[in-house]
N, C-alpha and C. Protein backbone atom coordinates (compact mmCIF):
# COMPACT_ATOMS: atom_id res chain seq x y z
N MET A 1 -11.67 52.92 -23.33
CA MET A 1 -12.58 51.88 -23.76
C MET A 1 -13.49 51.51 -22.60
N ARG A 2 -14.76 51.46 -22.91
CA ARG A 2 -15.74 51.21 -21.87
C ARG A 2 -16.42 49.86 -22.10
N PHE A 3 -16.49 49.02 -21.01
CA PHE A 3 -17.13 47.70 -21.10
C PHE A 3 -18.44 47.72 -20.34
N LEU A 4 -19.37 46.88 -20.78
CA LEU A 4 -20.63 46.74 -20.05
C LEU A 4 -20.42 45.93 -18.77
N PHE A 5 -19.37 45.12 -18.76
CA PHE A 5 -19.04 44.34 -17.57
C PHE A 5 -17.55 44.46 -17.34
N ASP A 6 -17.15 44.20 -16.15
CA ASP A 6 -15.72 44.28 -15.83
C ASP A 6 -15.07 42.95 -16.21
N PRO A 7 -14.20 42.94 -17.22
CA PRO A 7 -13.62 41.67 -17.69
C PRO A 7 -12.75 40.99 -16.64
N LEU A 8 -12.11 41.75 -15.79
CA LEU A 8 -11.26 41.15 -14.77
C LEU A 8 -12.10 40.40 -13.75
N GLN A 9 -13.23 40.95 -13.39
CA GLN A 9 -14.10 40.30 -12.41
C GLN A 9 -14.66 39.00 -12.96
N LEU A 10 -15.12 39.00 -14.19
CA LEU A 10 -15.67 37.79 -14.80
C LEU A 10 -14.58 36.75 -14.98
N GLY A 11 -13.40 37.16 -15.40
CA GLY A 11 -12.28 36.25 -15.56
C GLY A 11 -11.87 35.64 -14.24
N ASN A 12 -11.85 36.44 -13.20
CA ASN A 12 -11.48 35.93 -11.88
C ASN A 12 -12.47 34.87 -11.41
N LEU A 13 -13.74 35.11 -11.66
CA LEU A 13 -14.76 34.14 -11.26
C LEU A 13 -14.60 32.84 -12.04
N PHE A 14 -14.35 32.94 -13.34
CA PHE A 14 -14.15 31.76 -14.17
C PHE A 14 -12.93 30.97 -13.70
N TYR A 15 -11.81 31.68 -13.52
CA TYR A 15 -10.59 31.01 -13.10
C TYR A 15 -10.69 30.47 -11.67
N THR A 16 -11.48 31.12 -10.85
CA THR A 16 -11.69 30.61 -9.50
C THR A 16 -12.43 29.27 -9.55
N HIS A 17 -13.45 29.19 -10.39
CA HIS A 17 -14.19 27.94 -10.53
C HIS A 17 -13.28 26.84 -11.10
N ILE A 18 -12.50 27.18 -12.10
CA ILE A 18 -11.57 26.21 -12.69
C ILE A 18 -10.56 25.75 -11.65
N ALA A 19 -10.05 26.69 -10.85
CA ALA A 19 -9.06 26.34 -9.82
C ALA A 19 -9.68 25.41 -8.78
N PHE A 20 -10.92 25.67 -8.36
CA PHE A 20 -11.58 24.79 -7.38
C PHE A 20 -11.83 23.40 -7.97
N ILE A 21 -12.22 23.34 -9.20
CA ILE A 21 -12.45 22.04 -9.84
C ILE A 21 -11.15 21.26 -9.95
N LEU A 22 -10.09 21.92 -10.41
CA LEU A 22 -8.79 21.25 -10.53
C LEU A 22 -8.26 20.83 -9.16
N PHE A 23 -8.44 21.69 -8.17
CA PHE A 23 -8.01 21.35 -6.81
C PHE A 23 -8.78 20.14 -6.29
N GLY A 24 -10.08 20.10 -6.53
CA GLY A 24 -10.90 18.96 -6.11
C GLY A 24 -10.46 17.67 -6.80
N LEU A 25 -10.19 17.76 -8.09
CA LEU A 25 -9.73 16.58 -8.81
C LEU A 25 -8.37 16.12 -8.30
N LEU A 26 -7.49 17.07 -8.03
CA LEU A 26 -6.17 16.74 -7.52
C LEU A 26 -6.26 16.08 -6.14
N MET A 27 -7.08 16.61 -5.27
CA MET A 27 -7.25 16.03 -3.93
C MET A 27 -7.91 14.65 -4.01
N GLY A 28 -8.88 14.51 -4.89
CA GLY A 28 -9.52 13.21 -5.07
C GLY A 28 -8.53 12.18 -5.57
N GLY A 29 -7.71 12.56 -6.55
CA GLY A 29 -6.69 11.65 -7.07
C GLY A 29 -5.67 11.29 -6.00
N LEU A 30 -5.30 12.26 -5.18
CA LEU A 30 -4.35 12.00 -4.10
C LEU A 30 -4.94 11.04 -3.07
N LEU A 31 -6.20 11.20 -2.74
CA LEU A 31 -6.84 10.29 -1.79
C LEU A 31 -6.92 8.87 -2.35
N VAL A 32 -7.26 8.74 -3.61
CA VAL A 32 -7.34 7.41 -4.24
C VAL A 32 -5.95 6.77 -4.27
N TYR A 33 -4.93 7.56 -4.63
CA TYR A 33 -3.56 7.04 -4.66
C TYR A 33 -3.12 6.58 -3.27
N CYS A 34 -3.40 7.40 -2.26
CA CYS A 34 -3.00 7.03 -0.89
C CYS A 34 -3.73 5.77 -0.43
N PHE A 35 -5.00 5.64 -0.78
CA PHE A 35 -5.79 4.47 -0.39
C PHE A 35 -5.18 3.20 -0.98
N PHE A 36 -4.93 3.22 -2.29
CA PHE A 36 -4.41 2.02 -2.94
C PHE A 36 -2.96 1.74 -2.54
N SER A 37 -2.18 2.79 -2.31
CA SER A 37 -0.80 2.61 -1.89
C SER A 37 -0.75 1.96 -0.50
N THR A 38 -1.60 2.44 0.41
CA THR A 38 -1.65 1.86 1.75
C THR A 38 -2.14 0.43 1.70
N ARG A 39 -3.12 0.17 0.87
CA ARG A 39 -3.66 -1.19 0.75
C ARG A 39 -2.60 -2.14 0.20
N GLU A 40 -1.84 -1.68 -0.79
CA GLU A 40 -0.79 -2.52 -1.38
C GLU A 40 0.31 -2.80 -0.36
N LYS A 41 0.69 -1.79 0.42
CA LYS A 41 1.72 -2.00 1.44
C LYS A 41 1.23 -2.98 2.50
N SER A 42 -0.03 -2.86 2.88
CA SER A 42 -0.60 -3.76 3.88
C SER A 42 -0.57 -5.21 3.38
N LEU A 43 -0.96 -5.42 2.13
CA LEU A 43 -0.94 -6.77 1.56
C LEU A 43 0.50 -7.29 1.47
N SER A 44 1.42 -6.41 1.13
CA SER A 44 2.82 -6.81 1.05
C SER A 44 3.34 -7.24 2.42
N TYR A 45 2.99 -6.46 3.45
CA TYR A 45 3.42 -6.81 4.80
C TYR A 45 2.80 -8.14 5.25
N LYS A 46 1.53 -8.35 4.93
CA LYS A 46 0.88 -9.61 5.31
C LYS A 46 1.54 -10.80 4.61
N ASN A 47 1.88 -10.64 3.33
CA ASN A 47 2.57 -11.71 2.61
C ASN A 47 3.94 -11.98 3.22
N GLN A 48 4.64 -10.93 3.57
CA GLN A 48 5.97 -11.09 4.16
C GLN A 48 5.87 -11.79 5.52
N ILE A 49 4.86 -11.44 6.31
CA ILE A 49 4.67 -12.08 7.61
C ILE A 49 4.38 -13.56 7.44
N SER A 50 3.53 -13.91 6.48
CA SER A 50 3.21 -15.33 6.29
C SER A 50 4.44 -16.12 5.81
N LEU A 51 5.26 -15.50 4.95
CA LEU A 51 6.49 -16.18 4.52
C LEU A 51 7.46 -16.38 5.68
N LEU A 52 7.59 -15.37 6.54
CA LEU A 52 8.49 -15.49 7.69
C LEU A 52 7.96 -16.52 8.70
N GLU A 53 6.65 -16.60 8.86
CA GLU A 53 6.07 -17.62 9.75
C GLU A 53 6.35 -19.03 9.22
N ALA A 54 6.21 -19.20 7.90
CA ALA A 54 6.50 -20.50 7.30
C ALA A 54 7.98 -20.86 7.46
N GLN A 55 8.86 -19.88 7.29
CA GLN A 55 10.29 -20.13 7.48
C GLN A 55 10.60 -20.52 8.92
N SER A 56 9.96 -19.84 9.87
CA SER A 56 10.24 -20.17 11.27
C SER A 56 9.71 -21.57 11.62
N LEU A 57 8.57 -21.96 11.05
CA LEU A 57 8.06 -23.32 11.30
C LEU A 57 9.00 -24.36 10.70
N ARG A 58 9.53 -24.09 9.49
CA ARG A 58 10.48 -25.02 8.88
C ARG A 58 11.76 -25.11 9.71
N ALA A 59 12.21 -23.98 10.23
CA ALA A 59 13.43 -23.97 11.05
C ALA A 59 13.22 -24.75 12.34
N GLN A 60 12.01 -24.74 12.88
CA GLN A 60 11.72 -25.51 14.10
C GLN A 60 11.60 -26.99 13.79
N MET A 61 11.09 -27.32 12.60
CA MET A 61 10.89 -28.73 12.26
C MET A 61 12.19 -29.43 11.92
N ASN A 62 13.14 -28.76 11.30
CA ASN A 62 14.39 -29.39 10.87
C ASN A 62 15.16 -30.03 12.03
N PRO A 63 15.39 -29.35 13.15
CA PRO A 63 16.11 -30.01 14.25
C PRO A 63 15.36 -31.22 14.80
N HIS A 64 14.04 -31.15 14.88
CA HIS A 64 13.25 -32.28 15.37
C HIS A 64 13.38 -33.46 14.43
N PHE A 65 13.33 -33.18 13.13
CA PHE A 65 13.45 -34.25 12.14
C PHE A 65 14.81 -34.94 12.26
N ILE A 66 15.87 -34.13 12.34
CA ILE A 66 17.23 -34.69 12.46
C ILE A 66 17.36 -35.49 13.76
N PHE A 67 16.83 -34.95 14.85
CA PHE A 67 16.88 -35.64 16.13
C PHE A 67 16.15 -36.98 16.05
N ASN A 68 14.97 -36.99 15.44
CA ASN A 68 14.21 -38.23 15.31
C ASN A 68 14.93 -39.24 14.42
N VAL A 69 15.55 -38.80 13.36
CA VAL A 69 16.30 -39.70 12.48
C VAL A 69 17.48 -40.31 13.23
N LEU A 70 18.22 -39.46 13.96
CA LEU A 70 19.36 -39.96 14.72
C LEU A 70 18.91 -40.94 15.80
N ASN A 71 17.81 -40.67 16.46
CA ASN A 71 17.28 -41.59 17.47
C ASN A 71 16.85 -42.90 16.82
N GLY A 72 16.26 -42.81 15.65
CA GLY A 72 15.85 -44.02 14.93
C GLY A 72 17.04 -44.86 14.53
N LEU A 73 18.09 -44.22 14.09
CA LEU A 73 19.30 -44.95 13.72
C LEU A 73 19.96 -45.55 14.96
N GLN A 74 19.91 -44.85 16.06
CA GLN A 74 20.54 -45.32 17.29
C GLN A 74 19.78 -46.55 17.82
N SER A 75 18.48 -46.52 17.69
CA SER A 75 17.69 -47.63 18.22
C SER A 75 17.85 -48.90 17.37
N VAL A 76 18.19 -48.77 16.10
CA VAL A 76 18.38 -49.92 15.22
C VAL A 76 19.65 -50.66 15.61
N HIS A 77 20.68 -49.97 15.99
CA HIS A 77 21.97 -50.62 16.32
C HIS A 77 21.95 -51.12 17.69
């Protein structure tokens, strides 16, 4: 059987283009996923840092408050 064109060559070119397009889409999706994943982790870390800072400030304030209350009670008597 004789062809006017080589079907394997044309098929390879078609599948090569499809493979490049799919590869580009896959890489683009991976970049977008990595960007948003990193951004979400960064926001999570910032929220965790602010919560820990608030806890440390509360822990510093509690002894001062108790000390001031005890001093106030001592001065009344």
